[in-house]
Amino acid sequence: MRILRHTILVLLVAMLAACASGGGSESIPPAPQAASVEDYAIGIDDVVQVAVWRNPELGITVPVRPDGRISVPLVGDVMAAGKTPSEVAADLQDKLSAYVRDPQVAVILTDLRSHEYLSRVRVTGAVRTPISIPHRPGMTVLDAVLAAGGVNEFAAPDRSSLYRRNGGQTTSYAIRLDRIINRGDLSTNFTVAPGDIITVPERAF
């Protein structure tokens, strides 16, 4: 019994010590999740590829017409604009089920023409050249800031923020830009997504 009590006491002391050591550490903001192409609504002039498993003759690659529709073999016109690829695929599966047994449809965006403006990344504030640049896969916060010429002499880089719009809400993420550039701390060197805005504030005088 005495040994059991001693063991419990040791465990409690260890837990309290862990909590105390963690309480003084600086919290790291959660990393934003990189947006997938599947999250973006298809727009007019975007080029989509439709593939039907085991039915290659039904596959097409076409641009979205000005009326927002695409024409698919067997089912005819289908609304694509304003929907995600997965939503269009679900619509096609439903319509094709009248002609094909258990259709498996994949819709892939091959050319995001309508998103040329929306998919840009913008860097504003205390940088040498505020810019709006095309998004590239794998682009990070540091890539975007360097493209803007880096921060200027008035910047407060460790108070920088990344703003990302998700649906109808905008979420901000703290960026420790000074630590990224001068200390090699990449914990907040987030991968940017189309439409992101990076803001570098000026320091208070």
Foldseek 3Di string as FASTA:
>chain_A
DVVVVVVVVVVVVVVVVVVVVVVPDDDAWDFDDADDLQQDAAAAQFWKWKDKPPCRVFIDIGGQHPVQWDQTPPQGTDHRGPHGQVVSQVVVQVRCVVPDPRIHMGMDGDGRPVCQPQQWEWEDEQAQATDTGHDDPPAWPVNRRVVSVHGDPQWPQQQKWKWDDDPPDIDIHGDHRCCVPPVVPCSHRHRDTGNMYIYIYGDDD
